[in-house]
Amino acid sequence: MEPTLGQFSRESLDALQESARNLSEIASRYVEMSNSALRGTPADLRLIQELNDELEAGVVDLNIRIHAHSGTLALALDVIPADEEHFDDFVELEDVDVEVQGRVSVFSRWDVVVSDTEALLVAGRAAHRRDNSEDCEEDAALAVPDAFSALWRILGDDGRLWYSIPGIEPIRGVKFGVVPDDEDLWDQEVNMTEGMLPPPGRVLRTECW
């Protein structure tokens, strides 16, 4: 296998080392939190979930950095349900009680810029309240604090859509959001295969079905 441009470079190694340090720092904070006097309060649970998300994103980021440096993926990450609500929908192929007439994997990637943060926040918080009718505006603001959270919330149903399409049985799905390192990403031409790979950058959040 011939290395692609940028592999085994000083830059890719530096990025890999920085990702490893970041993951180590997150893991240390997780251990410190676990040793503290948690009582299971809403604030405690919110902190735990935030660190869970950070830890997951850090692991995914390290995998991406390893791939960017060496062209290999070190971690065969298990795909797990995003939440208990859809646990029963997550099945292995051998558990699907249907006649398998074909197999398809569908990929898409959208690179976007935020042009109106306030409008995006309003839309994201409205989407949150549609699914959480008991929440007030203040609750929605806490749940959707920034532009990425708003976009993620608006797109929250796209994975579930696959379960409503007649004639198919979803086996698994994965998505994640990344802030790319390269600000000129959108000016670069990529081939179809590279275009489906996540660009090197800071992983904000992942979700699996």
C-alpha atoms as a PDB file:
ATOM      1  CA  MET A   1       0.000   0.000   0.000  1.00  0.00           C
ATOM      2  CA  GLU A   2       1.492   3.348  -1.054  1.00  0.00           C
ATOM      3  CA  PRO A   3       1.122   6.140   1.496  1.00  0.00           C
ATOM      4  CA  THR A   4      -1.094   9.033   0.431  1.00  0.00           C
ATOM      5  CA  LEU A   5      -0.033  12.664   0.646  1.00  0.00           C
ATOM      6  CA  GLY A   6       0.439  13.672   4.274  1.00  0.00           C
ATOM      7  CA  GLN A   7       0.814  10.182   5.695  1.00  0.00           C
ATOM      8  CA  PHE A   8       3.835   9.547   7.938  1.00  0.00           C
ATOM      9  CA  SER A   9       4.518  13.288   7.948  1.00  0.00           C
ATOM     10  CA  ARG A  10       5.611  15.447  10.861  1.00  0.00           C
ATOM     11  CA  GLU A  11       2.244  17.194  10.716  1.00  0.00           C
ATOM     12  CA  SER A  12       0.176  13.996  10.866  1.00  0.00           C
ATOM     13  CA  LEU A  13       2.327  12.685  13.732  1.00  0.00           C
ATOM     14  CA  ASP A  14       1.924  15.930  15.678  1.00  0.00           C
ATOM     15  CA  ALA A  15      -1.847  15.742  15.206  1.00  0.00           C
ATOM     16  CA  LEU A  16      -1.843  12.110  16.363  1.00  0.00           C
ATOM     17  CA  GLN A  17       0.155  12.969  19.483  1.00  0.00           C
ATOM     18  CA  GLU A  18      -2.139  15.887  20.292  1.00  0.00           C
ATOM     19  CA  SER A  19      -5.202  13.645  19.915  1.00  0.00           C
ATOM     20  CA  ALA A  20      -3.645  11.046  22.243  1.00  0.00           C
ATOM     21  CA  ARG A  21      -2.880  13.723  24.834  1.00  0.00           C
ATOM     22  CA  ASN A  22      -6.427  15.045  24.583  1.00  0.00           C
ATOM     23  CA  LEU A  23      -7.906  11.573  25.086  1.00  0.00           C
ATOM     24  CA  SER A  24      -5.633  10.997  28.087  1.00  0.00           C
ATOM     25  CA  GLU A  25      -6.772  14.293  29.617  1.00  0.00           C
ATOM     26  CA  ILE A  26     -10.444  13.407  29.109  1.00  0.00           C
ATOM     27  CA  ALA A  27      -9.895   9.962  30.652  1.00  0.00           C
ATOM     28  CA  SER A  28      -8.176  11.550  33.663  1.00  0.00           C
ATOM     29  CA  ARG A  29     -11.100  13.916  34.192  1.00  0.00           C
ATOM     30  CA  TYR A  30     -13.463  10.958  33.916  1.00  0.00           C
ATOM     31  CA  VAL A  31     -11.578   9.094  36.659  1.00  0.00           C
ATOM     32  CA  GLU A  32     -11.503  12.200  38.862  1.00  0.00           C
ATOM     33  CA  MET A  33     -15.238  12.647  38.386  1.00  0.00           C
ATOM     34  CA  SER A  34     -15.869   8.996  39.257  1.00  0.00           C
ATOM     35  CA  ASN A  35     -13.906   9.436  42.495  1.00  0.00           C
ATOM     36  CA  SER A  36     -15.900  12.502  43.507  1.00  0.00           C
ATOM     37  CA  ALA A  37     -19.039  12.526  45.637  1.00  0.00           C
ATOM     38  CA  LEU A  38     -21.604  11.929  42.898  1.00  0.00           C
ATOM     39  CA  ARG A  39     -25.148  11.486  44.157  1.00  0.00           C
ATOM     40  CA  GLY A  40     -27.030  10.898  40.919  1.00  0.00           C
ATOM     41  CA  THR A  41     -28.584  14.352  40.830  1.00  0.00           C
ATOM     42  CA  PRO A  42     -29.683  15.844  37.479  1.00  0.00           C
ATOM     43  CA  ALA A  43     -26.540  17.993  37.534  1.00  0.00           C
ATOM     44  CA  ASP A  44     -24.380  14.898  38.151  1.00  0.00           C
ATOM     45  CA  LEU A  45     -26.029  12.997  35.323  1.00  0.00           C
ATOM     46  CA  ARG A  46     -25.617  15.945  32.987  1.00  0.00           C
ATOM     47  CA  LEU A  47     -21.893  16.096  33.818  1.00  0.00           C
ATOM     48  CA  ILE A  48     -21.493  12.356  33.313  1.00  0.00           C
ATOM     49  CA  GLN A  49     -23.211  12.489  29.918  1.00  0.00           C
ATOM     50  CA  GLU A  50     -21.074  15.435  28.824  1.00  0.00           C
ATOM     51  CA  LEU A  51     -17.915  13.513  29.709  1.00  0.00           C
ATOM     52  CA  ASN A  52     -19.305  10.374  28.042  1.00  0.00           C
ATOM     53  CA  ASP A  53     -19.766  12.373  24.838  1.00  0.00           C
ATOM     54  CA  GLU A  54     -16.265  13.879  25.156  1.00  0.00           C
ATOM     55  CA  LEU A  55     -14.712  10.466  25.742  1.00  0.00           C
ATOM     56  CA  GLU A  56     -16.501   8.910  22.770  1.00  0.00           C
ATOM     57  CA  ALA A  57     -15.535  11.812  20.519  1.00  0.00           C
ATOM     58  CA  GLY A  58     -11.929  11.579  21.723  1.00  0.00           C
ATOM     59  CA  VAL A  59     -11.709   7.883  20.847  1.00  0.00           C
ATOM     60  CA  VAL A  60     -13.170   8.489  17.385  1.00  0.00           C
ATOM     61  CA  ASP A  61     -10.796  11.422  16.858  1.00  0.00           C
ATOM     62  CA  LEU A  62      -7.793   9.262  17.779  1.00  0.00           C
ATOM     63  CA  ASN A  63      -8.920   6.644  15.258  1.00  0.00           C
ATOM     64  CA  ILE A  64      -9.173   9.314  12.555  1.00  0.00           C
ATOM     65  CA  ARG A  65      -5.707  10.673  13.411  1.00  0.00           C
ATOM     66  CA  ILE A  66      -4.229   7.178  13.259  1.00  0.00           C
ATOM     67  CA  HIS A  67      -5.811   6.719   9.832  1.00  0.00           C
ATOM     68  CA  ALA A  68      -4.546  10.107   8.637  1.00  0.00           C
ATOM     69  CA  HIS A  69      -0.997   9.223   9.744  1.00  0.00           C
ATOM     70  CA  SER A  70      -0.722   5.556   8.780  1.00  0.00           C
ATOM     71  CA  GLY A  71      -3.637   4.806   6.464  1.00  0.00           C
ATOM     72  CA  THR A  72      -4.913   2.190   8.912  1.00  0.00           C
ATOM     73  CA  LEU A  73      -7.727   2.107  11.452  1.00  0.00           C
ATOM     74  CA  ALA A  74      -6.458   0.860  14.798  1.00  0.00           C
ATOM     75  CA  LEU A  75      -9.814   0.596  16.533  1.00  0.00           C
ATOM     76  CA  ALA A  76     -12.619  -1.578  15.225  1.00  0.00           C
ATOM     77  CA  LEU A  77     -15.228   0.412  17.121  1.00  0.00           C
ATOM     78  CA  ASP A  78     -18.354  -1.520  18.053  1.00  0.00           C
ATOM     79  CA  VAL A  79     -21.567   0.033  16.809  1.00  0.00           C
ATOM     80  CA  ILE A  80     -24.021   0.377  19.690  1.00  0.00           C
ATOM     81  CA  PRO A  81     -27.509   1.873  19.923  1.00  0.00           C
ATOM     82  CA  ALA A  82     -27.677   5.632  20.450  1.00  0.00           C
ATOM     83  CA  ASP A  83     -30.334   5.222  23.123  1.00  0.00           C
ATOM     84  CA  GLU A  84     -32.433   2.537  24.793  1.00  0.00           C
ATOM     85  CA  GLU A  85     -35.545   3.624  22.909  1.00  0.00           C
ATOM     86  CA  HIS A  86     -34.189   2.088  19.706  1.00  0.00           C
ATOM     87  CA  PHE A  87     -32.316  -0.829  21.265  1.00  0.00           C
ATOM     88  CA  ASP A  88     -34.861  -3.322  19.953  1.00  0.00           C
ATOM     89  CA  ASP A  89     -34.455  -1.894  16.455  1.00  0.00           C
ATOM     90  CA  PHE A  90     -30.699  -2.555  16.452  1.00  0.00           C
ATOM     91  CA  VAL A  91     -30.216  -6.066  15.148  1.00  0.00           C
ATOM     92  CA  GLU A  92     -27.546  -8.228  13.645  1.00  0.00           C
ATOM     93  CA  LEU A  93     -28.149  -9.584  10.173  1.00  0.00           C
ATOM     94  CA  GLU A  94     -28.646 -13.150  11.382  1.00  0.00           C
ATOM     95  CA  ASP A  95     -31.445 -11.932  13.678  1.00  0.00           C
ATOM     96  CA  VAL A  96     -33.453 -10.351  10.856  1.00  0.00           C
ATOM     97  CA  ASP A  97     -36.440 -12.559  10.109  1.00  0.00           C
ATOM     98  CA  VAL A  98     -36.699 -11.561   6.456  1.00  0.00           C
ATOM     99  CA  GLU A  99     -35.592 -12.978   3.150  1.00  0.00           C
ATOM    100  CA  VAL A 100     -32.389 -11.165   2.221  1.00  0.00           C
ATOM    101  CA  GLN A 101     -32.739 -10.191  -1.434  1.00  0.00           C
ATOM    102  CA  GLY A 102     -29.876  -7.708  -1.541  1.00  0.00           C
ATOM    103  CA  ARG A 103     -27.503  -5.601   0.520  1.00  0.00           C
ATOM    104  CA  VAL A 104     -26.832  -1.870   0.204  1.00  0.00           C
ATOM    105  CA  SER A 105     -24.720   0.618   2.161  1.00  0.00           C
ATOM    106  CA  VAL A 106     -25.617   4.286   1.684  1.00  0.00           C
ATOM    107  CA  PHE A 107     -23.123   7.065   2.436  1.00  0.00           C
ATOM    108  CA  SER A 108     -23.554  10.822   2.515  1.00  0.00           C
ATOM    109  CA  ARG A 109     -21.475  13.715   3.746  1.00  0.00           C
ATOM    110  CA  TRP A 110     -22.478  17.361   4.042  1.00  0.00           C
ATOM    111  CA  ASP A 111     -19.946  20.148   4.590  1.00  0.00           C
ATOM    112  CA  VAL A 112     -21.763  23.271   5.798  1.00  0.00           C
ATOM    113  CA  VAL A 113     -21.003  26.760   7.087  1.00  0.00           C
ATOM    114  CA  VAL A 114     -23.145  28.466   9.716  1.00  0.00           C
ATOM    115  CA  SER A 115     -24.511  31.711   8.277  1.00  0.00           C
ATOM    116  CA  ASP A 116     -27.058  32.632  10.993  1.00  0.00           C
ATOM    117  CA  THR A 117     -26.328  31.181  14.419  1.00  0.00           C
ATOM    118  CA  GLU A 118     -29.390  32.698  16.078  1.00  0.00           C
ATOM    119  CA  ALA A 119     -31.811  31.299  13.486  1.00  0.00           C
ATOM    120  CA  LEU A 120     -30.173  27.877  13.808  1.00  0.00           C
ATOM    121  CA  LEU A 121     -30.467  27.970  17.614  1.00  0.00           C
ATOM    122  CA  VAL A 122     -34.158  28.897  17.419  1.00  0.00           C
ATOM    123  CA  ALA A 123     -34.829  26.015  15.019  1.00  0.00           C
ATOM    124  CA  GLY A 124     -32.793  23.541  17.073  1.00  0.00           C
ATOM    125  CA  ARG A 125     -34.501  24.438  20.339  1.00  0.00           C
ATOM    126  CA  ALA A 126     -37.911  24.239  18.690  1.00  0.00           C
ATOM    127  CA  ALA A 127     -37.033  20.745  17.444  1.00  0.00           C
ATOM    128  CA  HIS A 128     -36.002  19.781  20.979  1.00  0.00           C
ATOM    129  CA  ARG A 129     -39.279  20.991  22.461  1.00  0.00           C
ATOM    130  CA  ARG A 130     -41.335  19.111  19.880  1.00  0.00           C
ATOM    131  CA  ASP A 131     -39.943  15.855  21.267  1.00  0.00           C
ATOM    132  CA  ASN A 132     -39.817  17.097  24.877  1.00  0.00           C
ATOM    133  CA  SER A 133     -43.113  18.873  25.406  1.00  0.00           C
ATOM    134  CA  GLU A 134     -42.544  19.126  29.166  1.00  0.00           C
ATOM    135  CA  ASP A 135     -39.423  21.262  28.678  1.00  0.00           C
ATOM    136  CA  CYS A 136     -39.624  25.050  28.876  1.00  0.00           C
ATOM    137  CA  GLU A 137     -37.554  27.482  26.819  1.00  0.00           C
ATOM    138  CA  GLU A 138     -34.842  27.526  29.487  1.00  0.00           C
ATOM    139  CA  ASP A 139     -34.600  23.720  29.380  1.00  0.00           C
ATOM    140  CA  ALA A 140     -34.316  23.798  25.595  1.00  0.00           C
ATOM    141  CA  ALA A 141     -31.571  26.422  25.819  1.00  0.00           C
ATOM    142  CA  LEU A 142     -29.593  24.161  28.177  1.00  0.00           C
ATOM    143  CA  ALA A 143     -30.096  21.124  25.945  1.00  0.00           C
ATOM    144  CA  VAL A 144     -29.217  23.035  22.759  1.00  0.00           C
ATOM    145  CA  PRO A 145     -26.511  25.529  23.790  1.00  0.00           C
ATOM    146  CA  ASP A 146     -24.680  26.063  20.497  1.00  0.00           C
ATOM    147  CA  ALA A 147     -24.934  25.907  16.718  1.00  0.00           C
ATOM    148  CA  PHE A 148     -23.667  22.344  16.398  1.00  0.00           C
ATOM    149  CA  SER A 149     -26.075  21.061  19.059  1.00  0.00           C
ATOM    150  CA  ALA A 150     -28.909  22.777  17.190  1.00  0.00           C
ATOM    151  CA  LEU A 151     -27.952  21.210  13.867  1.00  0.00           C
ATOM    152  CA  TRP A 152     -27.526  17.787  15.468  1.00  0.00           C
ATOM    153  CA  ARG A 153     -30.931  18.064  17.115  1.00  0.00           C
ATOM    154  CA  ILE A 154     -32.665  19.099  13.880  1.00  0.00           C
ATOM    155  CA  LEU A 155     -31.102  16.115  12.127  1.00  0.00           C
ATOM    156  CA  GLY A 156     -31.897  13.820  15.043  1.00  0.00           C
ATOM    157  CA  ASP A 157     -34.592  11.905  13.228  1.00  0.00           C
ATOM    158  CA  ASP A 158     -32.603  11.060  10.106  1.00  0.00           C
ATOM    159  CA  GLY A 159     -31.423   7.735  11.524  1.00  0.00           C
ATOM    160  CA  ARG A 160     -34.914   6.728  12.563  1.00  0.00           C
ATOM    161  CA  LEU A 161     -36.186   7.495   9.069  1.00  0.00           C
ATOM    162  CA  TRP A 162     -34.503   4.346   7.803  1.00  0.00           C
ATOM    163  CA  TYR A 163     -36.752   2.226   9.995  1.00  0.00           C
ATOM    164  CA  SER A 164     -39.859   3.606   8.265  1.00  0.00           C
ATOM    165  CA  ILE A 165     -38.815   2.833   4.671  1.00  0.00           C
ATOM    166  CA  PRO A 166     -40.816  -0.124   3.307  1.00  0.00           C
ATOM    167  CA  GLY A 167     -38.937  -3.083   1.921  1.00  0.00           C
ATOM    168  CA  ILE A 168     -35.707  -2.706   3.922  1.00  0.00           C
ATOM    169  CA  GLU A 169     -34.417  -3.756   7.342  1.00  0.00           C
ATOM    170  CA  PRO A 170     -31.616  -1.496   8.683  1.00  0.00           C
ATOM    171  CA  ILE A 171     -28.705  -3.371  10.249  1.00  0.00           C
ATOM    172  CA  ARG A 172     -26.643  -0.453  11.579  1.00  0.00           C
ATOM    173  CA  GLY A 173     -26.010   3.230  11.095  1.00  0.00           C
ATOM    174  CA  VAL A 174     -23.294   5.643  12.180  1.00  0.00           C
ATOM    175  CA  LYS A 175     -22.888   9.422  11.988  1.00  0.00           C
ATOM    176  CA  PHE A 176     -20.624  12.006  13.562  1.00  0.00           C
ATOM    177  CA  GLY A 177     -19.858  15.700  13.313  1.00  0.00           C
ATOM    178  CA  VAL A 178     -16.365  17.094  12.774  1.00  0.00           C
ATOM    179  CA  VAL A 179     -14.833  20.575  12.761  1.00  0.00           C
ATOM    180  CA  PRO A 180     -12.136  20.144  10.070  1.00  0.00           C
ATOM    181  CA  ASP A 181      -8.586  21.280  10.740  1.00  0.00           C
ATOM    182  CA  ASP A 182      -8.221  22.665   7.231  1.00  0.00           C
ATOM    183  CA  GLU A 183     -10.190  25.887   6.778  1.00  0.00           C
ATOM    184  CA  ASP A 184      -9.760  25.567   2.999  1.00  0.00           C
ATOM    185  CA  LEU A 185     -11.475  22.163   2.964  1.00  0.00           C
ATOM    186  CA  TRP A 186     -14.331  23.317   0.750  1.00  0.00           C
ATOM    187  CA  ASP A 187     -11.949  24.646  -1.900  1.00  0.00           C
ATOM    188  CA  GLN A 188     -10.267  21.286  -2.363  1.00  0.00           C
ATOM    189  CA  GLU A 189     -11.264  18.701  -4.920  1.00  0.00           C
ATOM    190  CA  VAL A 190     -11.632  15.151  -3.612  1.00  0.00           C
ATOM    191  CA  ASN A 191     -12.487  11.916  -5.329  1.00  0.00           C
ATOM    192  CA  MET A 192     -15.631   9.989  -4.457  1.00  0.00           C
ATOM    193  CA  THR A 193     -13.873   7.604  -2.062  1.00  0.00           C
ATOM    194  CA  GLU A 194     -11.990  10.293  -0.140  1.00  0.00           C
ATOM    195  CA  GLY A 195     -15.135  12.404  -0.030  1.00  0.00           C
ATOM    196  CA  MET A 196     -16.853   9.778   2.091  1.00  0.00           C
ATOM    197  CA  LEU A 197     -14.060   9.721   4.685  1.00  0.00           C
ATOM    198  CA  PRO A 198     -14.204  12.156   7.608  1.00  0.00           C
ATOM    199  CA  PRO A 199     -11.667  14.968   7.272  1.00  0.00           C
ATOM    200  CA  PRO A 200      -9.014  15.274   9.976  1.00  0.00           C
ATOM    201  CA  GLY A 201     -10.426  17.529  12.660  1.00  0.00           C
ATOM    202  CA  ARG A 202     -12.036  17.805  16.063  1.00  0.00           C
ATOM    203  CA  VAL A 203     -14.846  15.272  16.504  1.00  0.00           C
ATOM    204  CA  LEU A 204     -17.783  16.962  18.218  1.00  0.00           C
ATOM    205  CA  ARG A 205     -20.203  14.087  18.585  1.00  0.00           C
ATOM    206  CA  THR A 206     -20.972  10.591  17.334  1.00  0.00           C
ATOM    207  CA  GLU A 207     -24.177   8.596  17.182  1.00  0.00           C
ATOM    208  CA  CYS A 208     -24.910   4.989  16.282  1.00  0.00           C
ATOM    209  CA  TRP A 209     -28.007   2.912  15.643  1.00  0.00           C
END
